[in-house]
Structure formats: C-alpha cells, structure tokens
Amino acid sequence: MSCTGRSRIFSGFVYCADCGSKMLYGPSSNCDHDQDFFNHSLHRKHKEKCNGHFIHVKVLERLTLKHIQAIMGYILRHEDHFRTIIEEQPRVESCEQVPIRRKRLESKERRIAELKKLFIKFTRTDPTASGYSTSISSTTGLALSL
C-alpha cells in the first residue's frame, strides 16, 4: 500500500523483464487513477544496472485482461479436451494414493496382529507367576492383591 492508502492487485507481482528486479506501485500525485504506474525499483539507485522501466497500471490491466480472454477463448475452443483433463485429474491423484494407502494399511494390520498376540499372551499368562494373586470377591467381582 502506498502513502496515499492505495494499492493495486499487481503489487508484488510485477518484475522487470530485463534484470528481474521488482517493480513498485506508484500512485499518481494528482489522485488520477489513470496515471497510476509501476516503476522499476532500481530506477533511482542503480541507473547503470537497468534503465528506468515504467508501466501504467491501466496498460497492465488491459494486457492482463487481453491475455485472460485469449486463454479462455482457447479453452472454450478445446472444451472437450480440457473437460477430459479436469475429470481425469482426481482419478490420477487417487491412483497415485492407492499404493501409499495400501502400504499404510498393511503396516497398521501388522501392528494390530502384534497387539493381538501380546493381548493373548498377556491374558494366558498365569497371574500368580508374576506375583499377583486373584480371587473372586462377592462385592467387587475381582480382587487383585500383591
């Protein structure tokens, strides 16, 4: 945002085609939006690196709109092809996920089998062998003592 409180949707996205430096938004001093511009960030500091490039916001907006219209025209002329690509993309992504999910499932199934074995081993172990004694109590159902 500039000192005038205005900014443009292209701020941060406009770069010099020659040297790659960011171009900065500059609002017109007379509050005329048609005169707003993007100016080369090296314009004042390093004139020897790159000449001062400059583009009016209106020109940038017009060029962008023209480009979007060209892309949309191309898509509309080849709508069946693009529709096929868009419909196929989720299938391709899900096909890529199948091996990953299958591997994760196998890992979890192995862990479940290990836990079942431990549970069976734990429940079949004689509790008196580990120092515990069990007795059935009429009030609590099961009593454990050390």
C-alpha atoms as a PDB file:
ATOM      1  CA  MET A   1       0.000   0.000   0.000  1.00  0.00           C
ATOM      2  CA  SER A   2       1.302   3.443  -0.849  1.00  0.00           C
ATOM      3  CA  CYS A   3       1.409   6.543   1.318  1.00  0.00           C
ATOM      4  CA  THR A   4      -1.896   7.591  -0.294  1.00  0.00           C
ATOM      5  CA  GLY A   5      -3.514   4.422   1.016  1.00  0.00           C
ATOM      6  CA  ARG A   6      -3.992   2.929  -2.446  1.00  0.00           C
ATOM      7  CA  SER A   7      -2.569  -0.279  -3.820  1.00  0.00           C
ATOM      8  CA  ARG A   8      -3.164  -2.483  -6.808  1.00  0.00           C
ATOM      9  CA  ILE A   9      -3.792  -6.185  -7.271  1.00  0.00           C
ATOM     10  CA  PHE A  10      -0.496  -6.470  -9.156  1.00  0.00           C
ATOM     11  CA  SER A  11       1.622  -5.158  -6.253  1.00  0.00           C
ATOM     12  CA  GLY A  12       4.382  -7.657  -5.539  1.00  0.00           C
ATOM     13  CA  PHE A  13       3.864  -9.499  -8.855  1.00  0.00           C
ATOM     14  CA  VAL A  14       5.403  -7.102 -11.398  1.00  0.00           C
ATOM     15  CA  TYR A  15       9.082  -7.617 -12.253  1.00  0.00           C
ATOM     16  CA  CYS A  16      11.448  -6.106 -14.801  1.00  0.00           C
ATOM     17  CA  ALA A  17      11.780  -8.267 -17.916  1.00  0.00           C
ATOM     18  CA  ASP A  18      15.429  -7.225 -18.348  1.00  0.00           C
ATOM     19  CA  CYS A  19      17.006  -7.538 -14.879  1.00  0.00           C
ATOM     20  CA  GLY A  20      14.290  -9.256 -12.799  1.00  0.00           C
ATOM     21  CA  SER A  21      14.008  -6.512 -10.169  1.00  0.00           C
ATOM     22  CA  LYS A  22      10.669  -5.891  -8.522  1.00  0.00           C
ATOM     23  CA  MET A  23       8.652  -3.004  -9.866  1.00  0.00           C
ATOM     24  CA  LEU A  24       6.964  -0.854  -7.238  1.00  0.00           C
ATOM     25  CA  TYR A  25       3.493   0.659  -7.323  1.00  0.00           C
ATOM     26  CA  GLY A  26       3.411   4.424  -7.609  1.00  0.00           C
ATOM     27  CA  PRO A  27       0.108   6.268  -7.326  1.00  0.00           C
ATOM     28  CA  SER A  28      -0.231   9.463  -9.312  1.00  0.00           C
ATOM     29  CA  SER A  29       0.226  12.614  -7.301  1.00  0.00           C
ATOM     30  CA  ASN A  30      -2.951  14.227  -8.678  1.00  0.00           C
ATOM     31  CA  CYS A  31      -5.235  11.342  -7.495  1.00  0.00           C
ATOM     32  CA  ASP A  32      -5.966  10.380 -11.107  1.00  0.00           C
ATOM     33  CA  HIS A  33      -6.156   6.555 -11.110  1.00  0.00           C
ATOM     34  CA  ASP A  34      -5.488   6.506 -14.853  1.00  0.00           C
ATOM     35  CA  GLN A  35      -1.995   7.827 -14.142  1.00  0.00           C
ATOM     36  CA  ASP A  36      -1.041   5.191 -11.514  1.00  0.00           C
ATOM     37  CA  PHE A  37       2.041   3.223 -12.506  1.00  0.00           C
ATOM     38  CA  PHE A  38       4.633   0.603 -11.609  1.00  0.00           C
ATOM     39  CA  ASN A  39       8.179   1.885 -11.501  1.00  0.00           C
ATOM     40  CA  HIS A  40      11.460  -0.031 -11.552  1.00  0.00           C
ATOM     41  CA  SER A  41      12.862  -0.456  -8.011  1.00  0.00           C
ATOM     42  CA  LEU A  42      16.426   0.194  -9.248  1.00  0.00           C
ATOM     43  CA  HIS A  43      15.391   3.319 -11.125  1.00  0.00           C
ATOM     44  CA  ARG A  44      16.840   5.835  -8.680  1.00  0.00           C
ATOM     45  CA  LYS A  45      19.645   3.882  -7.005  1.00  0.00           C
ATOM     46  CA  HIS A  46      21.324   1.921  -9.786  1.00  0.00           C
ATOM     47  CA  LYS A  47      20.677   3.588 -13.121  1.00  0.00           C
ATOM     48  CA  GLU A  48      23.714   1.842 -14.622  1.00  0.00           C
ATOM     49  CA  LYS A  49      22.273  -1.659 -13.961  1.00  0.00           C
ATOM     50  CA  CYS A  50      18.989  -1.163 -15.755  1.00  0.00           C
ATOM     51  CA  ASN A  51      17.211   1.776 -17.346  1.00  0.00           C
ATOM     52  CA  GLY A  52      14.132   3.034 -15.566  1.00  0.00           C
ATOM     53  CA  HIS A  53      11.305   0.798 -16.695  1.00  0.00           C
ATOM     54  CA  PHE A  54       7.802   2.019 -16.182  1.00  0.00           C
ATOM     55  CA  ILE A  55       4.270   0.828 -16.970  1.00  0.00           C
ATOM     56  CA  HIS A  56       0.894   2.417 -16.320  1.00  0.00           C
ATOM     57  CA  VAL A  57      -1.498   0.300 -14.252  1.00  0.00           C
ATOM     58  CA  LYS A  58      -4.220   0.738 -16.892  1.00  0.00           C
ATOM     59  CA  VAL A  59      -1.894  -0.714 -19.559  1.00  0.00           C
ATOM     60  CA  LEU A  60      -1.022  -3.648 -17.291  1.00  0.00           C
ATOM     61  CA  GLU A  61      -4.712  -4.271 -16.567  1.00  0.00           C
ATOM     62  CA  ARG A  62      -5.578  -4.129 -20.280  1.00  0.00           C
ATOM     63  CA  LEU A  63      -2.756  -6.546 -21.206  1.00  0.00           C
ATOM     64  CA  THR A  64      -3.738  -8.947 -18.423  1.00  0.00           C
ATOM     65  CA  LEU A  65      -7.401  -8.902 -19.445  1.00  0.00           C
ATOM     66  CA  LYS A  66      -6.433  -9.496 -23.077  1.00  0.00           C
ATOM     67  CA  HIS A  67      -4.288 -12.465 -22.047  1.00  0.00           C
ATOM     68  CA  ILE A  68      -7.073 -13.954 -19.872  1.00  0.00           C
ATOM     69  CA  GLN A  69      -9.525 -13.571 -22.754  1.00  0.00           C
ATOM     70  CA  ALA A  70      -7.100 -15.345 -25.115  1.00  0.00           C
ATOM     71  CA  ILE A  71      -6.686 -18.228 -22.660  1.00  0.00           C
ATOM     72  CA  MET A  72     -10.443 -18.502 -22.111  1.00  0.00           C
ATOM     73  CA  GLY A  73     -11.018 -18.477 -25.881  1.00  0.00           C
ATOM     74  CA  TYR A  74      -8.522 -21.305 -26.299  1.00  0.00           C
ATOM     75  CA  ILE A  75     -10.167 -23.296 -23.509  1.00  0.00           C
ATOM     76  CA  LEU A  76     -13.637 -22.766 -24.986  1.00  0.00           C
ATOM     77  CA  ARG A  77     -12.451 -23.886 -28.434  1.00  0.00           C
ATOM     78  CA  HIS A  78     -10.959 -27.044 -26.897  1.00  0.00           C
ATOM     79  CA  GLU A  79     -13.539 -27.523 -24.148  1.00  0.00           C
ATOM     80  CA  ASP A  80     -13.866 -31.292 -24.576  1.00  0.00           C
ATOM     81  CA  HIS A  81     -10.117 -31.764 -24.153  1.00  0.00           C
ATOM     82  CA  PHE A  82      -9.971 -29.589 -21.012  1.00  0.00           C
ATOM     83  CA  ARG A  83     -13.088 -31.248 -19.575  1.00  0.00           C
ATOM     84  CA  THR A  84     -11.435 -34.656 -20.019  1.00  0.00           C
ATOM     85  CA  ILE A  85      -8.271 -33.446 -18.288  1.00  0.00           C
ATOM     86  CA  ILE A  86     -10.206 -31.933 -15.380  1.00  0.00           C
ATOM     87  CA  GLU A  87     -12.334 -35.066 -14.922  1.00  0.00           C
ATOM     88  CA  GLU A  88      -9.300 -37.367 -15.162  1.00  0.00           C
ATOM     89  CA  GLN A  89      -7.132 -35.494 -12.675  1.00  0.00           C
ATOM     90  CA  PRO A  90      -8.880 -36.748  -9.480  1.00  0.00           C
ATOM     91  CA  ARG A  91      -8.663 -40.316 -10.815  1.00  0.00           C
ATOM     92  CA  VAL A  92      -4.938 -39.958 -11.446  1.00  0.00           C
ATOM     93  CA  GLU A  93      -4.405 -38.489  -7.983  1.00  0.00           C
ATOM     94  CA  SER A  94      -6.401 -41.288  -6.351  1.00  0.00           C
ATOM     95  CA  CYS A  95      -4.476 -43.923  -8.353  1.00  0.00           C
ATOM     96  CA  GLU A  96      -1.240 -42.419  -7.044  1.00  0.00           C
ATOM     97  CA  GLN A  97      -2.586 -42.608  -3.489  1.00  0.00           C
ATOM     98  CA  VAL A  98      -3.589 -46.307  -3.680  1.00  0.00           C
ATOM     99  CA  PRO A  99      -0.077 -47.771  -3.147  1.00  0.00           C
ATOM    100  CA  ILE A 100       0.650 -45.304  -0.343  1.00  0.00           C
ATOM    101  CA  ARG A 101      -2.607 -46.085   1.453  1.00  0.00           C
ATOM    102  CA  ARG A 102      -2.208 -49.836   0.862  1.00  0.00           C
ATOM    103  CA  LYS A 103       1.256 -49.722   2.470  1.00  0.00           C
ATOM    104  CA  ARG A 104      -0.122 -47.750   5.436  1.00  0.00           C
ATOM    105  CA  LEU A 105      -2.976 -50.259   5.805  1.00  0.00           C
ATOM    106  CA  GLU A 106      -0.560 -53.221   5.768  1.00  0.00           C
ATOM    107  CA  SER A 107       1.562 -51.517   8.433  1.00  0.00           C
ATOM    108  CA  LYS A 108      -1.473 -50.943  10.645  1.00  0.00           C
ATOM    109  CA  GLU A 109      -2.686 -54.516  10.103  1.00  0.00           C
ATOM    110  CA  ARG A 110       0.750 -55.825  11.199  1.00  0.00           C
ATOM    111  CA  ARG A 111       0.566 -53.665  14.325  1.00  0.00           C
ATOM    112  CA  ILE A 112      -2.932 -54.966  15.108  1.00  0.00           C
ATOM    113  CA  ALA A 113      -1.679 -58.563  14.728  1.00  0.00           C
ATOM    114  CA  GLU A 114       1.233 -57.792  17.095  1.00  0.00           C
ATOM    115  CA  LEU A 115      -1.143 -56.274  19.651  1.00  0.00           C
ATOM    116  CA  LYS A 116      -3.471 -59.289  19.395  1.00  0.00           C
ATOM    117  CA  LYS A 117      -0.546 -61.635  20.082  1.00  0.00           C
ATOM    118  CA  LEU A 118       0.506 -59.527  23.071  1.00  0.00           C
ATOM    119  CA  PHE A 119      -3.050 -59.460  24.372  1.00  0.00           C
ATOM    120  CA  ILE A 120      -3.408 -63.236  24.021  1.00  0.00           C
ATOM    121  CA  LYS A 121      -0.024 -63.766  25.659  1.00  0.00           C
ATOM    122  CA  PHE A 122      -0.931 -61.386  28.495  1.00  0.00           C
ATOM    123  CA  THR A 123      -4.339 -62.951  29.166  1.00  0.00           C
ATOM    124  CA  ARG A 124      -2.996 -66.535  29.066  1.00  0.00           C
ATOM    125  CA  THR A 125      -0.125 -65.836  31.428  1.00  0.00           C
ATOM    126  CA  ASP A 126      -0.590 -67.244  34.941  1.00  0.00           C
ATOM    127  CA  PRO A 127      -1.149 -64.172  37.138  1.00  0.00           C
ATOM    128  CA  THR A 128       0.321 -65.922  40.219  1.00  0.00           C
ATOM    129  CA  ALA A 129       3.612 -66.409  38.375  1.00  0.00           C
ATOM    130  CA  SER A 130       4.207 -62.668  38.271  1.00  0.00           C
ATOM    131  CA  GLY A 131       3.460 -62.133  41.942  1.00  0.00           C
ATOM    132  CA  TYR A 132      -0.211 -61.307  41.577  1.00  0.00           C
ATOM    133  CA  SER A 133      -2.974 -63.348  43.109  1.00  0.00           C
ATOM    134  CA  THR A 134      -6.572 -63.136  42.048  1.00  0.00           C
ATOM    135  CA  SER A 135      -9.707 -64.013  43.885  1.00  0.00           C
ATOM    136  CA  ILE A 136     -13.353 -63.537  43.171  1.00  0.00           C
ATOM    137  CA  SER A 137     -15.000 -61.206  45.610  1.00  0.00           C
ATOM    138  CA  SER A 138     -18.762 -61.229  46.019  1.00  0.00           C
ATOM    139  CA  THR A 139     -18.940 -57.405  46.207  1.00  0.00           C
ATOM    140  CA  THR A 140     -16.446 -56.257  43.553  1.00  0.00           C
ATOM    141  CA  GLY A 141     -16.293 -59.198  41.195  1.00  0.00           C
ATOM    142  CA  LEU A 142     -12.479 -59.402  41.028  1.00  0.00           C
ATOM    143  CA  ALA A 143      -9.836 -58.535  43.573  1.00  0.00           C
ATOM    144  CA  LEU A 144      -6.135 -58.181  42.862  1.00  0.00           C
ATOM    145  CA  SER A 145      -3.542 -58.190  45.570  1.00  0.00           C
ATOM    146  CA  LEU A 146       0.249 -58.005  45.591  1.00  0.00           C
END
